N, C-alpha and C. Protein backbone atom coordinates (compact mmCIF):
# COMPACT_ATOMS: atom_id res chain seq x y z
N UNK A 1 -31.16 96.60 -22.32
CA UNK A 1 -32.48 96.69 -22.81
C UNK A 1 -32.56 97.65 -24.03
N UNK A 2 -33.20 97.33 -25.03
CA UNK A 2 -33.34 98.15 -26.20
C UNK A 2 -34.13 99.45 -25.87
N UNK A 3 -33.71 100.55 -26.41
CA UNK A 3 -34.41 101.77 -26.19
C UNK A 3 -35.61 102.06 -27.18
N UNK A 4 -35.90 101.04 -28.06
CA UNK A 4 -36.93 101.23 -29.02
C UNK A 4 -38.19 100.56 -28.47
N UNK A 5 -39.25 101.36 -28.02
CA UNK A 5 -40.48 100.84 -27.44
C UNK A 5 -41.13 99.84 -28.35
N UNK A 6 -41.03 99.89 -29.70
CA UNK A 6 -41.68 98.95 -30.60
C UNK A 6 -41.12 97.57 -30.45
N UNK A 7 -39.91 97.44 -29.93
CA UNK A 7 -39.27 96.13 -29.75
C UNK A 7 -39.55 95.51 -28.46
N UNK A 8 -40.14 96.17 -27.47
CA UNK A 8 -40.39 95.67 -26.16
C UNK A 8 -41.41 94.51 -26.20
N UNK A 9 -41.37 93.68 -25.23
CA UNK A 9 -42.34 92.57 -25.07
C UNK A 9 -43.64 93.18 -24.51
N UNK A 10 -44.60 92.33 -24.36
CA UNK A 10 -45.92 92.78 -23.88
C UNK A 10 -45.90 93.32 -22.47
N UNK A 11 -44.88 92.97 -21.66
CA UNK A 11 -44.83 93.51 -20.34
C UNK A 11 -44.18 94.87 -20.25
N UNK A 12 -43.68 95.36 -21.41
CA UNK A 12 -43.07 96.66 -21.39
C UNK A 12 -43.96 97.74 -22.10
N UNK A 13 -43.41 98.72 -22.58
CA UNK A 13 -44.17 99.80 -23.21
C UNK A 13 -44.72 99.23 -24.53
N UNK A 14 -46.13 99.28 -24.68
CA UNK A 14 -46.69 98.70 -25.91
C UNK A 14 -46.62 99.67 -27.07
N UNK A 15 -46.58 99.20 -28.24
CA UNK A 15 -46.66 100.10 -29.47
C UNK A 15 -47.97 100.90 -29.40
N UNK A 16 -47.93 102.06 -29.91
CA UNK A 16 -49.04 102.95 -29.94
C UNK A 16 -50.20 102.36 -30.74
N UNK A 17 -49.95 101.47 -31.63
CA UNK A 17 -50.98 100.93 -32.50
C UNK A 17 -51.92 99.92 -31.81
N UNK A 18 -51.55 99.45 -30.52
CA UNK A 18 -52.40 98.60 -29.84
C UNK A 18 -53.62 99.27 -29.30
N UNK A 19 -54.85 98.60 -29.32
CA UNK A 19 -55.98 99.27 -28.81
C UNK A 19 -55.86 99.51 -27.33
N UNK A 20 -56.50 100.57 -26.86
CA UNK A 20 -56.32 101.01 -25.47
C UNK A 20 -56.68 99.91 -24.52
N UNK A 21 -57.74 99.14 -24.83
CA UNK A 21 -58.06 98.06 -23.89
C UNK A 21 -57.03 96.98 -23.78
N UNK A 22 -56.16 96.83 -24.79
CA UNK A 22 -55.12 95.82 -24.76
C UNK A 22 -53.90 96.26 -24.07
N UNK A 23 -53.84 97.46 -23.60
CA UNK A 23 -52.66 98.04 -22.99
C UNK A 23 -52.71 97.75 -21.52
N UNK A 24 -51.77 97.04 -20.95
CA UNK A 24 -51.69 96.83 -19.49
C UNK A 24 -50.46 97.49 -19.00
N UNK A 25 -50.50 97.76 -17.72
CA UNK A 25 -49.34 98.44 -17.12
C UNK A 25 -48.11 97.47 -17.15
N UNK A 26 -46.98 97.96 -17.48
CA UNK A 26 -45.78 97.06 -17.40
C UNK A 26 -45.54 96.55 -15.95
N UNK A 27 -45.04 95.37 -15.78
CA UNK A 27 -44.82 94.78 -14.45
C UNK A 27 -44.00 95.75 -13.57
N UNK A 28 -43.07 96.44 -14.10
CA UNK A 28 -42.19 97.34 -13.31
C UNK A 28 -42.90 98.71 -13.16
N UNK A 29 -44.01 98.90 -13.73
CA UNK A 29 -44.70 100.20 -13.74
C UNK A 29 -44.32 101.12 -14.80
N UNK A 30 -45.12 102.10 -15.09
CA UNK A 30 -44.89 103.06 -16.17
C UNK A 30 -43.69 103.96 -15.94
N UNK A 31 -43.47 104.40 -14.77
CA UNK A 31 -42.33 105.28 -14.51
C UNK A 31 -41.06 104.59 -14.94
N UNK A 32 -40.86 103.39 -14.39
CA UNK A 32 -39.63 102.65 -14.69
C UNK A 32 -39.52 102.31 -16.17
N UNK A 33 -40.61 101.88 -16.77
CA UNK A 33 -40.54 101.52 -18.19
C UNK A 33 -40.24 102.70 -19.06
N UNK A 34 -40.88 103.88 -18.75
CA UNK A 34 -40.60 105.05 -19.59
C UNK A 34 -39.17 105.58 -19.29
N UNK A 35 -38.75 105.57 -17.98
CA UNK A 35 -37.40 106.05 -17.68
C UNK A 35 -36.35 105.20 -18.45
N UNK A 36 -36.57 103.86 -18.46
CA UNK A 36 -35.62 103.00 -19.18
C UNK A 36 -35.70 103.23 -20.68
N UNK A 37 -36.90 103.44 -21.17
CA UNK A 37 -37.03 103.64 -22.69
C UNK A 37 -36.38 104.97 -23.05
N UNK A 38 -36.37 105.97 -22.15
CA UNK A 38 -35.73 107.25 -22.46
C UNK A 38 -34.28 107.28 -22.18
N UNK A 39 -33.75 106.15 -21.62
CA UNK A 39 -32.34 106.05 -21.27
C UNK A 39 -31.94 106.88 -20.07
N UNK A 40 -32.93 107.22 -19.16
CA UNK A 40 -32.65 108.05 -17.98
C UNK A 40 -32.31 107.12 -16.83
N UNK A 41 -31.30 107.54 -16.02
CA UNK A 41 -30.97 106.78 -14.82
C UNK A 41 -31.75 107.36 -13.64
N UNK A 42 -31.74 106.54 -12.56
CA UNK A 42 -32.41 107.02 -11.34
C UNK A 42 -31.81 108.40 -10.96
N UNK A 43 -30.45 108.46 -11.09
CA UNK A 43 -29.83 109.76 -10.67
C UNK A 43 -30.25 110.88 -11.59
N UNK A 44 -30.47 110.70 -12.87
CA UNK A 44 -30.95 111.71 -13.77
C UNK A 44 -32.30 112.24 -13.25
N UNK A 45 -33.20 111.34 -13.07
CA UNK A 45 -34.55 111.83 -12.65
C UNK A 45 -34.50 112.45 -11.22
N UNK A 46 -33.75 111.80 -10.35
CA UNK A 46 -33.59 112.36 -8.98
C UNK A 46 -33.03 113.79 -9.00
N UNK A 47 -32.06 114.02 -9.86
CA UNK A 47 -31.54 115.41 -9.96
C UNK A 47 -32.58 116.38 -10.45
N UNK A 48 -33.32 116.03 -11.42
CA UNK A 48 -34.37 116.88 -11.93
C UNK A 48 -35.51 117.10 -10.89
N UNK A 49 -35.82 116.13 -10.09
CA UNK A 49 -36.81 116.22 -9.02
C UNK A 49 -36.25 116.87 -7.78
N UNK A 50 -34.96 117.00 -7.66
CA UNK A 50 -34.26 117.47 -6.49
C UNK A 50 -34.57 116.57 -5.24
N UNK A 51 -34.47 115.27 -5.50
CA UNK A 51 -34.64 114.29 -4.50
C UNK A 51 -33.47 113.25 -4.66
N UNK A 52 -33.39 112.28 -3.84
CA UNK A 52 -32.33 111.20 -3.96
C UNK A 52 -32.82 110.10 -4.88
N UNK A 53 -31.83 109.36 -5.44
CA UNK A 53 -32.23 108.22 -6.34
C UNK A 53 -33.07 107.18 -5.62
N UNK A 54 -32.89 106.96 -4.32
CA UNK A 54 -33.85 105.97 -3.59
C UNK A 54 -35.23 106.55 -3.58
N UNK A 55 -35.44 107.88 -3.52
CA UNK A 55 -36.79 108.45 -3.59
C UNK A 55 -37.44 108.20 -4.89
N UNK A 56 -36.65 108.27 -5.99
CA UNK A 56 -37.24 107.95 -7.30
C UNK A 56 -37.58 106.47 -7.39
N UNK A 57 -36.81 105.63 -6.84
CA UNK A 57 -37.08 104.23 -6.83
C UNK A 57 -38.37 103.91 -6.02
N UNK A 58 -38.59 104.71 -4.94
CA UNK A 58 -39.80 104.66 -4.15
C UNK A 58 -41.03 105.07 -4.96
N UNK A 59 -40.89 106.12 -5.76
CA UNK A 59 -41.92 106.58 -6.67
C UNK A 59 -42.32 105.40 -7.65
N UNK A 60 -41.28 104.81 -8.18
CA UNK A 60 -41.48 103.73 -9.19
C UNK A 60 -42.22 102.58 -8.50
N UNK A 61 -41.80 102.22 -7.28
CA UNK A 61 -42.46 101.06 -6.65
C UNK A 61 -43.86 101.44 -6.25
N UNK A 62 -44.13 102.65 -5.76
CA UNK A 62 -45.44 103.14 -5.41
C UNK A 62 -46.36 103.12 -6.62
N UNK A 63 -45.91 103.58 -7.76
CA UNK A 63 -46.71 103.62 -8.99
C UNK A 63 -47.04 102.17 -9.42
N UNK A 64 -46.09 101.24 -9.32
CA UNK A 64 -46.32 99.86 -9.75
C UNK A 64 -47.31 99.16 -8.81
N UNK A 65 -47.45 99.64 -7.61
CA UNK A 65 -48.31 99.05 -6.61
C UNK A 65 -49.59 99.86 -6.36
N UNK A 66 -49.91 100.82 -7.27
CA UNK A 66 -51.11 101.67 -7.13
C UNK A 66 -51.09 102.47 -5.87
N UNK A 67 -49.98 102.91 -5.40
CA UNK A 67 -49.93 103.69 -4.16
C UNK A 67 -49.46 105.16 -4.40
N UNK A 68 -49.07 105.55 -5.60
CA UNK A 68 -48.52 106.75 -5.88
C UNK A 68 -49.66 107.91 -5.96
N UNK A 69 -49.36 109.10 -5.59
CA UNK A 69 -50.39 110.15 -5.72
C UNK A 69 -50.27 110.71 -7.10
N UNK A 70 -51.35 111.32 -7.53
CA UNK A 70 -51.31 111.95 -8.90
C UNK A 70 -50.29 113.08 -8.89
N UNK A 71 -50.13 113.76 -7.82
CA UNK A 71 -49.15 114.84 -7.70
C UNK A 71 -47.74 114.36 -7.99
N UNK A 72 -47.40 113.27 -7.26
CA UNK A 72 -46.06 112.69 -7.42
C UNK A 72 -45.87 112.14 -8.78
N UNK A 73 -46.94 111.49 -9.31
CA UNK A 73 -46.82 111.00 -10.74
C UNK A 73 -46.61 112.11 -11.72
N UNK A 74 -47.38 113.23 -11.55
CA UNK A 74 -47.27 114.37 -12.45
C UNK A 74 -45.84 115.02 -12.35
N UNK A 75 -45.29 115.15 -11.13
CA UNK A 75 -43.93 115.79 -10.99
C UNK A 75 -42.91 114.84 -11.59
N UNK A 76 -43.06 113.47 -11.46
CA UNK A 76 -42.12 112.58 -12.07
C UNK A 76 -42.17 112.59 -13.50
N UNK A 77 -43.38 112.62 -14.10
CA UNK A 77 -43.53 112.69 -15.49
C UNK A 77 -42.84 113.95 -16.05
N UNK A 78 -43.11 115.05 -15.42
CA UNK A 78 -42.51 116.36 -15.84
C UNK A 78 -40.96 116.29 -15.77
N UNK A 79 -40.40 115.64 -14.74
CA UNK A 79 -38.97 115.52 -14.64
C UNK A 79 -38.38 114.72 -15.74
N UNK A 80 -39.21 113.80 -16.30
CA UNK A 80 -38.74 112.98 -17.46
C UNK A 80 -39.18 113.58 -18.80
N UNK A 81 -39.61 114.84 -18.78
CA UNK A 81 -40.03 115.56 -19.97
C UNK A 81 -41.18 114.81 -20.62
N UNK A 82 -42.18 114.33 -19.82
CA UNK A 82 -43.30 113.56 -20.37
C UNK A 82 -44.55 114.35 -19.88
N UNK A 83 -45.61 114.16 -20.68
CA UNK A 83 -46.96 114.64 -20.29
C UNK A 83 -47.65 113.47 -19.58
N UNK A 84 -48.34 113.79 -18.48
CA UNK A 84 -49.11 112.80 -17.79
C UNK A 84 -50.56 112.93 -18.42
N UNK A 85 -51.06 111.85 -18.87
CA UNK A 85 -52.43 111.81 -19.36
C UNK A 85 -53.19 110.87 -18.58
N UNK A 86 -54.14 111.37 -17.86
CA UNK A 86 -55.00 110.55 -16.89
C UNK A 86 -56.28 110.38 -17.54
N UNK A 87 -56.71 109.14 -17.67
CA UNK A 87 -57.99 108.90 -18.35
C UNK A 87 -58.78 107.75 -17.69
N UNK A 88 -60.08 107.90 -17.77
CA UNK A 88 -60.99 106.78 -17.37
C UNK A 88 -61.69 106.41 -18.67
N UNK A 89 -61.47 105.15 -19.04
CA UNK A 89 -61.98 104.60 -20.28
C UNK A 89 -63.09 103.56 -20.01
N UNK A 90 -64.31 103.81 -20.32
CA UNK A 90 -65.35 102.79 -20.08
C UNK A 90 -65.00 101.46 -20.69
N UNK A 91 -65.21 100.40 -19.92
CA UNK A 91 -65.02 99.01 -20.42
C UNK A 91 -66.09 98.73 -21.46
N UNK A 92 -65.73 97.88 -22.45
CA UNK A 92 -66.78 97.46 -23.39
C UNK A 92 -67.90 96.72 -22.65
N UNK A 93 -69.09 97.10 -23.01
CA UNK A 93 -70.22 96.39 -22.37
C UNK A 93 -70.64 97.01 -21.13
N UNK A 94 -70.05 98.16 -20.70
CA UNK A 94 -70.35 98.80 -19.49
C UNK A 94 -71.82 99.36 -19.57
N UNK A 95 -72.57 99.37 -18.48
CA UNK A 95 -73.97 99.75 -18.56
C UNK A 95 -74.03 101.24 -19.01
N UNK A 96 -75.11 101.50 -19.75
CA UNK A 96 -75.35 102.92 -20.25
C UNK A 96 -75.49 103.80 -19.08
N UNK A 97 -75.04 105.01 -19.28
CA UNK A 97 -75.24 105.99 -18.19
C UNK A 97 -76.66 106.31 -17.92
N UNK A 98 -77.03 106.48 -16.65
CA UNK A 98 -78.39 106.81 -16.32
C UNK A 98 -78.63 108.27 -16.70
N UNK A 99 -79.87 108.67 -16.91
CA UNK A 99 -80.17 110.06 -17.28
C UNK A 99 -79.69 110.92 -16.18
N UNK A 100 -79.26 112.16 -16.53
CA UNK A 100 -78.84 113.11 -15.51
C UNK A 100 -79.91 113.43 -14.60
N UNK A 101 -79.63 113.65 -13.32
CA UNK A 101 -80.75 114.08 -12.39
C UNK A 101 -81.31 115.38 -12.76
N UNK A 102 -82.60 115.54 -12.41
CA UNK A 102 -83.32 116.76 -12.70
C UNK A 102 -82.86 117.78 -11.65
N UNK A 103 -82.57 118.98 -12.06
CA UNK A 103 -82.11 120.00 -11.05
C UNK A 103 -83.30 120.38 -10.24
N UNK A 104 -83.00 120.93 -9.03
CA UNK A 104 -84.00 121.46 -8.15
C UNK A 104 -84.81 122.57 -8.85
N UNK A 105 -84.11 123.43 -9.58
CA UNK A 105 -84.74 124.50 -10.27
C UNK A 105 -85.78 124.03 -11.26
N UNK A 106 -85.53 122.87 -11.89
CA UNK A 106 -86.47 122.34 -12.85
C UNK A 106 -87.63 121.63 -12.19
N UNK A 107 -87.35 120.92 -11.05
CA UNK A 107 -88.36 120.09 -10.44
C UNK A 107 -89.32 120.81 -9.51
N UNK A 108 -88.84 121.88 -8.86
CA UNK A 108 -89.69 122.52 -7.87
C UNK A 108 -90.94 123.15 -8.50
N UNK A 109 -90.83 123.96 -9.56
CA UNK A 109 -92.01 124.52 -10.17
C UNK A 109 -93.09 123.46 -10.58
N UNK A 110 -92.52 122.33 -11.07
CA UNK A 110 -93.46 121.27 -11.48
C UNK A 110 -94.23 120.67 -10.29
N UNK A 111 -93.49 120.56 -9.16
CA UNK A 111 -94.06 120.01 -7.94
C UNK A 111 -95.10 121.00 -7.36
N UNK A 112 -94.71 122.30 -7.35
CA UNK A 112 -95.62 123.31 -6.89
C UNK A 112 -96.91 123.37 -7.62
N UNK A 113 -96.77 123.24 -8.98
CA UNK A 113 -97.93 123.29 -9.88
C UNK A 113 -98.84 122.09 -9.56
N UNK A 114 -98.22 120.90 -9.31
CA UNK A 114 -99.00 119.74 -9.02
C UNK A 114 -99.75 119.87 -7.73
N UNK A 115 -99.05 120.46 -6.69
CA UNK A 115 -99.70 120.63 -5.35
C UNK A 115 -100.82 121.69 -5.43
N UNK A 116 -100.61 122.74 -6.22
CA UNK A 116 -101.63 123.75 -6.41
C UNK A 116 -102.82 123.15 -7.10
N UNK A 117 -102.63 122.37 -8.09
CA UNK A 117 -103.78 121.70 -8.82
C UNK A 117 -104.55 120.84 -7.82
N UNK A 118 -103.86 120.02 -7.03
CA UNK A 118 -104.52 119.14 -6.09
C UNK A 118 -105.22 119.94 -5.02
N UNK A 119 -104.66 121.02 -4.52
CA UNK A 119 -105.25 121.84 -3.49
C UNK A 119 -106.48 122.49 -3.98
N UNK A 120 -106.44 122.98 -5.27
CA UNK A 120 -107.64 123.63 -5.89
C UNK A 120 -108.84 122.63 -5.95
N UNK A 121 -108.46 121.36 -6.11
CA UNK A 121 -109.57 120.38 -6.16
C UNK A 121 -109.98 119.83 -4.85
N UNK A 122 -109.33 120.39 -3.78
CA UNK A 122 -109.69 119.98 -2.40
C UNK A 122 -109.16 118.68 -1.98
N UNK A 123 -108.12 118.16 -2.72
CA UNK A 123 -107.60 116.91 -2.41
C UNK A 123 -106.47 116.91 -1.34
N UNK A 124 -106.09 118.13 -0.93
CA UNK A 124 -105.01 118.19 0.08
C UNK A 124 -105.52 118.62 1.46
């Protein structure tokens, strides 16, 4: 496999110029794709993590199947001298955010004022 990410197919590491929405996870998962792109073996990463190569393979499979923990993903990225960037990116056309809830400190005085006004008028 070529080590140049720009030459990979769409199922491998995408070029950085692709829009974020067009980037899908490689079929083998990001850990495997990046490990291959960096020319690292299972043993290289295992040695850095102080685990066995089969444990690294398990991390790769867990990540590809959405079962890996963020802690394991972070440690594996660090062992490959990578930064883990975790992001939630709103989809296009996502509903607008609802207004933030009013805090208790802001709403209580208003409610007390309303109750006092109504009580003074004999409505309570």
